[in-house]
């Protein structure tokens, strides 16, 4: 499965199959949430939240790819990501794009 954030793939003719998406809501356990709140007092990277968001993007991407595979897609083009806070320490991540099939090889 080819994943790109452009609306084309060089050398390929594409047949659009439709919009595909994947999402997840992730949170960190209360212990990490407390330690990260202390980190905001001194500044610096909030690594636990960074890890949480990386994991959330990976899960959302995996779910998007599964949806595209179910349509028989060869690739997903024009991929985008969005996130929003659900509550303190929890965020939703969604990935979406257009599932396509190659018409020429």
N, C-alpha and C. Protein backbone atom coordinates (compact mmCIF):
# COMPACT_ATOMS: atom_id res chain seq x y z
N UNK A 1 0.85 -1.17 0.00
CA UNK A 1 0.00 0.00 0.00
C UNK A 1 0.90 1.23 0.00
N UNK A 2 0.69 2.09 -0.99
CA UNK A 2 1.45 3.34 -1.08
C UNK A 2 0.63 4.43 -0.40
N UNK A 3 1.28 5.20 0.48
CA UNK A 3 0.63 6.29 1.19
C UNK A 3 1.35 7.59 0.86
N UNK A 4 0.63 8.57 0.31
CA UNK A 4 1.25 9.85 -0.04
C UNK A 4 0.33 11.00 0.35
N UNK A 5 0.94 12.17 0.55
CA UNK A 5 0.11 13.35 0.84
C UNK A 5 -0.06 14.24 -0.39
N UNK A 6 0.30 13.73 -1.55
CA UNK A 6 0.05 14.43 -2.81
C UNK A 6 -1.21 13.87 -3.44
N UNK A 7 -1.74 14.56 -4.46
CA UNK A 7 -2.97 14.07 -5.09
C UNK A 7 -2.69 13.20 -6.31
N UNK A 8 -1.44 12.80 -6.50
CA UNK A 8 -1.06 11.93 -7.63
C UNK A 8 0.13 11.08 -7.21
N UNK A 9 0.39 10.05 -8.02
CA UNK A 9 1.59 9.23 -7.86
C UNK A 9 2.24 9.20 -9.23
N UNK A 10 3.47 9.67 -9.32
CA UNK A 10 4.17 9.76 -10.60
C UNK A 10 4.13 8.45 -11.37
N UNK A 11 3.76 8.55 -12.65
CA UNK A 11 3.75 7.41 -13.53
C UNK A 11 2.55 6.49 -13.38
N UNK A 12 1.58 6.86 -12.58
CA UNK A 12 0.42 6.01 -12.35
C UNK A 12 -0.86 6.74 -12.74
N UNK A 13 -1.73 6.02 -13.42
CA UNK A 13 -3.09 6.50 -13.68
C UNK A 13 -3.94 5.99 -12.52
N UNK A 14 -4.76 6.85 -11.94
CA UNK A 14 -5.49 6.48 -10.74
C UNK A 14 -6.99 6.50 -10.95
N UNK A 15 -7.64 5.49 -10.41
CA UNK A 15 -9.10 5.44 -10.35
C UNK A 15 -9.46 5.67 -8.88
N UNK A 16 -10.24 6.71 -8.61
CA UNK A 16 -10.60 7.02 -7.23
C UNK A 16 -11.69 6.07 -6.74
N UNK A 17 -11.47 5.51 -5.55
CA UNK A 17 -12.43 4.59 -4.96
C UNK A 17 -13.28 5.25 -3.88
N UNK A 18 -12.74 6.28 -3.26
CA UNK A 18 -13.51 6.98 -2.23
C UNK A 18 -12.68 7.38 -1.04
N UNK A 19 -13.32 8.11 -0.15
CA UNK A 19 -12.69 8.59 1.07
C UNK A 19 -12.52 7.43 2.05
N UNK A 20 -11.35 7.37 2.67
CA UNK A 20 -11.10 6.40 3.74
C UNK A 20 -10.57 7.16 4.94
N UNK A 21 -10.86 6.64 6.13
CA UNK A 21 -10.41 7.32 7.33
C UNK A 21 -10.16 6.32 8.44
N UNK A 22 -9.41 6.76 9.41
CA UNK A 22 -9.15 5.97 10.61
C UNK A 22 -9.00 6.93 11.76
N UNK A 23 -9.45 6.53 12.94
CA UNK A 23 -9.32 7.43 14.08
C UNK A 23 -9.13 6.63 15.36
N UNK A 24 -8.68 7.33 16.38
CA UNK A 24 -8.52 6.75 17.70
C UNK A 24 -8.54 7.88 18.72
N UNK A 25 -8.88 7.53 19.94
CA UNK A 25 -8.77 8.46 21.07
C UNK A 25 -7.81 7.82 22.05
N UNK A 26 -6.77 8.54 22.40
CA UNK A 26 -5.73 8.01 23.27
C UNK A 26 -5.61 8.87 24.52
N UNK A 27 -5.19 8.24 25.61
CA UNK A 27 -4.90 8.98 26.84
C UNK A 27 -3.73 8.33 27.55
N UNK A 28 -3.12 9.07 28.42
CA UNK A 28 -2.05 8.55 29.27
C UNK A 28 -2.62 8.29 30.65
N UNK A 29 -2.06 7.33 31.35
CA UNK A 29 -2.57 7.04 32.69
C UNK A 29 -2.25 8.19 33.64
N UNK A 30 -2.96 8.25 34.73
CA UNK A 30 -2.91 9.39 35.64
C UNK A 30 -1.48 9.67 36.15
N UNK A 31 -0.68 8.66 36.38
CA UNK A 31 0.69 8.88 36.85
C UNK A 31 1.52 9.67 35.86
N UNK A 32 1.44 9.29 34.59
CA UNK A 32 2.19 10.04 33.57
C UNK A 32 1.61 11.43 33.39
N UNK A 33 0.29 11.55 33.53
CA UNK A 33 -0.35 12.85 33.38
C UNK A 33 0.16 13.81 34.45
N UNK A 34 0.30 13.32 35.67
CA UNK A 34 0.79 14.16 36.77
C UNK A 34 2.25 14.56 36.53
N UNK A 35 3.09 13.60 36.12
CA UNK A 35 4.50 13.94 35.89
C UNK A 35 4.64 14.94 34.74
N UNK A 36 3.80 14.82 33.73
CA UNK A 36 3.87 15.76 32.61
C UNK A 36 3.40 17.15 33.03
N UNK A 37 2.45 17.23 33.96
CA UNK A 37 2.00 18.54 34.43
C UNK A 37 3.11 19.24 35.21
N UNK A 38 3.93 18.49 35.95
CA UNK A 38 5.08 19.08 36.63
C UNK A 38 6.10 19.59 35.61
N UNK A 39 6.24 18.88 34.51
CA UNK A 39 7.20 19.26 33.46
C UNK A 39 6.83 20.64 32.89
N UNK A 40 5.54 20.97 32.86
CA UNK A 40 5.15 22.28 32.31
C UNK A 40 5.66 23.43 33.17
N UNK A 41 6.00 23.16 34.43
CA UNK A 41 6.52 24.21 35.31
C UNK A 41 7.95 24.61 34.93
N UNK A 42 8.73 23.66 34.45
CA UNK A 42 10.13 23.95 34.12
C UNK A 42 10.37 24.06 32.62
N UNK A 43 9.41 23.62 31.82
CA UNK A 43 9.55 23.69 30.36
C UNK A 43 10.23 22.46 29.80
N UNK A 44 10.16 22.35 28.51
CA UNK A 44 10.77 21.22 27.82
C UNK A 44 9.73 20.35 27.14
N UNK A 45 10.23 19.35 26.43
CA UNK A 45 9.35 18.46 25.67
C UNK A 45 8.56 17.55 26.61
N UNK A 46 7.29 17.39 26.34
CA UNK A 46 6.43 16.49 27.09
C UNK A 46 6.45 15.13 26.39
N UNK A 47 7.48 14.35 26.69
CA UNK A 47 7.73 13.12 25.93
C UNK A 47 6.60 12.10 26.04
N UNK A 48 5.94 12.01 27.20
CA UNK A 48 4.85 11.04 27.33
C UNK A 48 3.71 11.39 26.39
N UNK A 49 3.41 12.68 26.25
CA UNK A 49 2.36 13.10 25.32
C UNK A 49 2.81 12.93 23.87
N UNK A 50 4.07 13.19 23.62
CA UNK A 50 4.61 13.00 22.28
C UNK A 50 4.48 11.53 21.86
N UNK A 51 4.83 10.62 22.77
CA UNK A 51 4.69 9.19 22.50
C UNK A 51 3.23 8.82 22.29
N UNK A 52 2.35 9.40 23.10
CA UNK A 52 0.92 9.12 22.97
C UNK A 52 0.42 9.52 21.59
N UNK A 53 0.81 10.70 21.12
CA UNK A 53 0.35 11.19 19.83
C UNK A 53 0.95 10.37 18.68
N UNK A 54 2.21 9.97 18.80
CA UNK A 54 2.82 9.11 17.77
C UNK A 54 2.08 7.77 17.68
N UNK A 55 1.75 7.21 18.83
CA UNK A 55 1.00 5.95 18.85
C UNK A 55 -0.39 6.14 18.24
N UNK A 56 -1.04 7.25 18.57
CA UNK A 56 -2.37 7.53 18.05
C UNK A 56 -2.34 7.69 16.53
N UNK A 57 -1.34 8.40 16.00
CA UNK A 57 -1.23 8.55 14.54
C UNK A 57 -1.02 7.20 13.86
N UNK A 58 -0.20 6.34 14.48
CA UNK A 58 0.05 5.02 13.90
C UNK A 58 -1.22 4.17 13.88
N UNK A 59 -1.99 4.21 14.94
CA UNK A 59 -3.25 3.45 15.00
C UNK A 59 -4.24 3.98 13.98
N UNK A 60 -4.39 5.30 13.91
CA UNK A 60 -5.32 5.91 12.95
C UNK A 60 -4.92 5.56 11.52
N UNK A 61 -3.62 5.59 11.22
CA UNK A 61 -3.14 5.25 9.88
C UNK A 61 -3.44 3.79 9.57
N UNK A 62 -3.19 2.90 10.52
CA UNK A 62 -3.44 1.47 10.32
C UNK A 62 -4.92 1.23 10.02
N UNK A 63 -5.80 1.90 10.73
CA UNK A 63 -7.24 1.74 10.50
C UNK A 63 -7.66 2.30 9.14
N UNK A 64 -7.05 3.40 8.73
CA UNK A 64 -7.33 3.98 7.42
C UNK A 64 -6.89 3.01 6.32
N UNK A 65 -5.71 2.44 6.46
CA UNK A 65 -5.19 1.48 5.47
C UNK A 65 -6.10 0.25 5.40
N UNK A 66 -6.57 -0.24 6.54
CA UNK A 66 -7.47 -1.41 6.54
C UNK A 66 -8.75 -1.10 5.77
N UNK A 67 -9.28 0.10 5.94
CA UNK A 67 -10.48 0.50 5.21
C UNK A 67 -10.22 0.56 3.70
N UNK A 68 -9.03 1.08 3.33
CA UNK A 68 -8.67 1.15 1.91
C UNK A 68 -8.47 -0.25 1.32
N UNK A 69 -7.84 -1.14 2.06
CA UNK A 69 -7.62 -2.51 1.59
C UNK A 69 -8.96 -3.22 1.36
N UNK A 70 -9.94 -2.94 2.22
CA UNK A 70 -11.26 -3.55 2.07
C UNK A 70 -11.93 -3.10 0.77
N UNK A 71 -11.55 -1.92 0.27
CA UNK A 71 -12.08 -1.42 -1.01
C UNK A 71 -11.28 -1.93 -2.20
N UNK A 72 -10.16 -2.61 -1.94
CA UNK A 72 -9.30 -3.10 -3.01
C UNK A 72 -8.33 -2.05 -3.52
N UNK A 73 -8.00 -1.08 -2.71
CA UNK A 73 -7.12 0.02 -3.11
C UNK A 73 -5.67 -0.42 -3.21
N UNK A 74 -4.95 0.25 -4.11
CA UNK A 74 -3.50 0.07 -4.23
C UNK A 74 -2.73 1.14 -3.46
N UNK A 75 -3.39 2.26 -3.21
CA UNK A 75 -2.72 3.39 -2.56
C UNK A 75 -3.76 4.31 -1.93
N UNK A 76 -3.27 5.20 -1.09
CA UNK A 76 -4.09 6.28 -0.54
C UNK A 76 -3.35 7.58 -0.84
N UNK A 77 -4.03 8.50 -1.50
CA UNK A 77 -3.44 9.78 -1.84
C UNK A 77 -4.08 10.89 -1.02
N UNK A 78 -3.38 12.03 -0.99
CA UNK A 78 -3.88 13.24 -0.33
C UNK A 78 -4.19 12.98 1.14
N UNK A 79 -3.31 12.27 1.82
CA UNK A 79 -3.51 11.93 3.24
C UNK A 79 -3.35 13.17 4.11
N UNK A 80 -4.23 13.29 5.06
CA UNK A 80 -4.19 14.39 6.03
C UNK A 80 -4.42 13.82 7.43
N UNK A 81 -3.94 14.54 8.42
CA UNK A 81 -4.14 14.19 9.82
C UNK A 81 -4.73 15.39 10.54
N UNK A 82 -5.57 15.11 11.52
CA UNK A 82 -6.12 16.16 12.38
C UNK A 82 -6.20 15.60 13.78
N UNK A 83 -6.11 16.49 14.76
CA UNK A 83 -6.25 16.05 16.15
C UNK A 83 -7.03 17.09 16.93
N UNK A 84 -7.64 16.63 18.01
CA UNK A 84 -8.35 17.55 18.89
C UNK A 84 -8.31 16.99 20.31
N UNK A 85 -8.28 17.90 21.26
CA UNK A 85 -8.30 17.49 22.66
C UNK A 85 -9.72 17.09 23.04
N UNK A 86 -9.84 15.94 23.67
CA UNK A 86 -11.14 15.47 24.14
C UNK A 86 -11.32 15.90 25.59
N UNK A 87 -10.26 15.77 26.35
CA UNK A 87 -10.20 16.21 27.74
C UNK A 87 -8.71 16.32 28.08
N UNK A 88 -8.38 16.84 29.24
CA UNK A 88 -6.97 16.95 29.59
C UNK A 88 -6.33 15.57 29.59
N UNK A 89 -5.25 15.43 28.82
CA UNK A 89 -4.53 14.17 28.77
C UNK A 89 -5.07 13.18 27.76
N UNK A 90 -6.12 13.55 27.00
CA UNK A 90 -6.68 12.65 25.99
C UNK A 90 -6.89 13.41 24.69
N UNK A 91 -6.58 12.77 23.58
CA UNK A 91 -6.73 13.41 22.29
C UNK A 91 -7.26 12.43 21.25
N UNK A 92 -8.03 12.96 20.32
CA UNK A 92 -8.48 12.17 19.17
C UNK A 92 -7.56 12.51 18.01
N UNK A 93 -7.18 11.50 17.28
CA UNK A 93 -6.41 11.69 16.04
C UNK A 93 -7.19 11.01 14.93
N UNK A 94 -7.35 11.70 13.82
CA UNK A 94 -8.00 11.13 12.65
C UNK A 94 -7.07 11.28 11.45
N UNK A 95 -7.00 10.25 10.65
CA UNK A 95 -6.27 10.31 9.39
C UNK A 95 -7.29 10.02 8.29
N UNK A 96 -7.14 10.72 7.17
CA UNK A 96 -8.07 10.50 6.06
C UNK A 96 -7.39 10.79 4.75
N UNK A 97 -7.90 10.18 3.70
CA UNK A 97 -7.34 10.36 2.35
C UNK A 97 -8.26 9.72 1.35
N UNK A 98 -7.80 9.69 0.11
CA UNK A 98 -8.58 9.11 -0.99
C UNK A 98 -7.96 7.78 -1.39
N UNK A 99 -8.75 6.72 -1.30
CA UNK A 99 -8.31 5.40 -1.74
C UNK A 99 -8.35 5.36 -3.26
N UNK A 100 -7.29 4.83 -3.88
CA UNK A 100 -7.21 4.77 -5.32
C UNK A 100 -6.73 3.38 -5.77
N UNK A 101 -7.08 3.05 -6.98
CA UNK A 101 -6.62 1.82 -7.64
C UNK A 101 -5.83 2.24 -8.86
N UNK A 102 -4.73 1.56 -9.16
CA UNK A 102 -3.93 1.86 -10.34
C UNK A 102 -4.65 1.31 -11.57
N UNK A 103 -4.76 2.15 -12.62
CA UNK A 103 -5.37 1.67 -13.86
C UNK A 103 -4.30 1.24 -14.85
N UNK A 104 -3.04 1.70 -14.66
CA UNK A 104 -1.91 1.24 -15.47
C UNK A 104 -0.76 0.92 -14.54
N UNK A 105 0.05 -0.03 -14.92
CA UNK A 105 1.19 -0.42 -14.09
C UNK A 105 2.47 0.10 -14.60
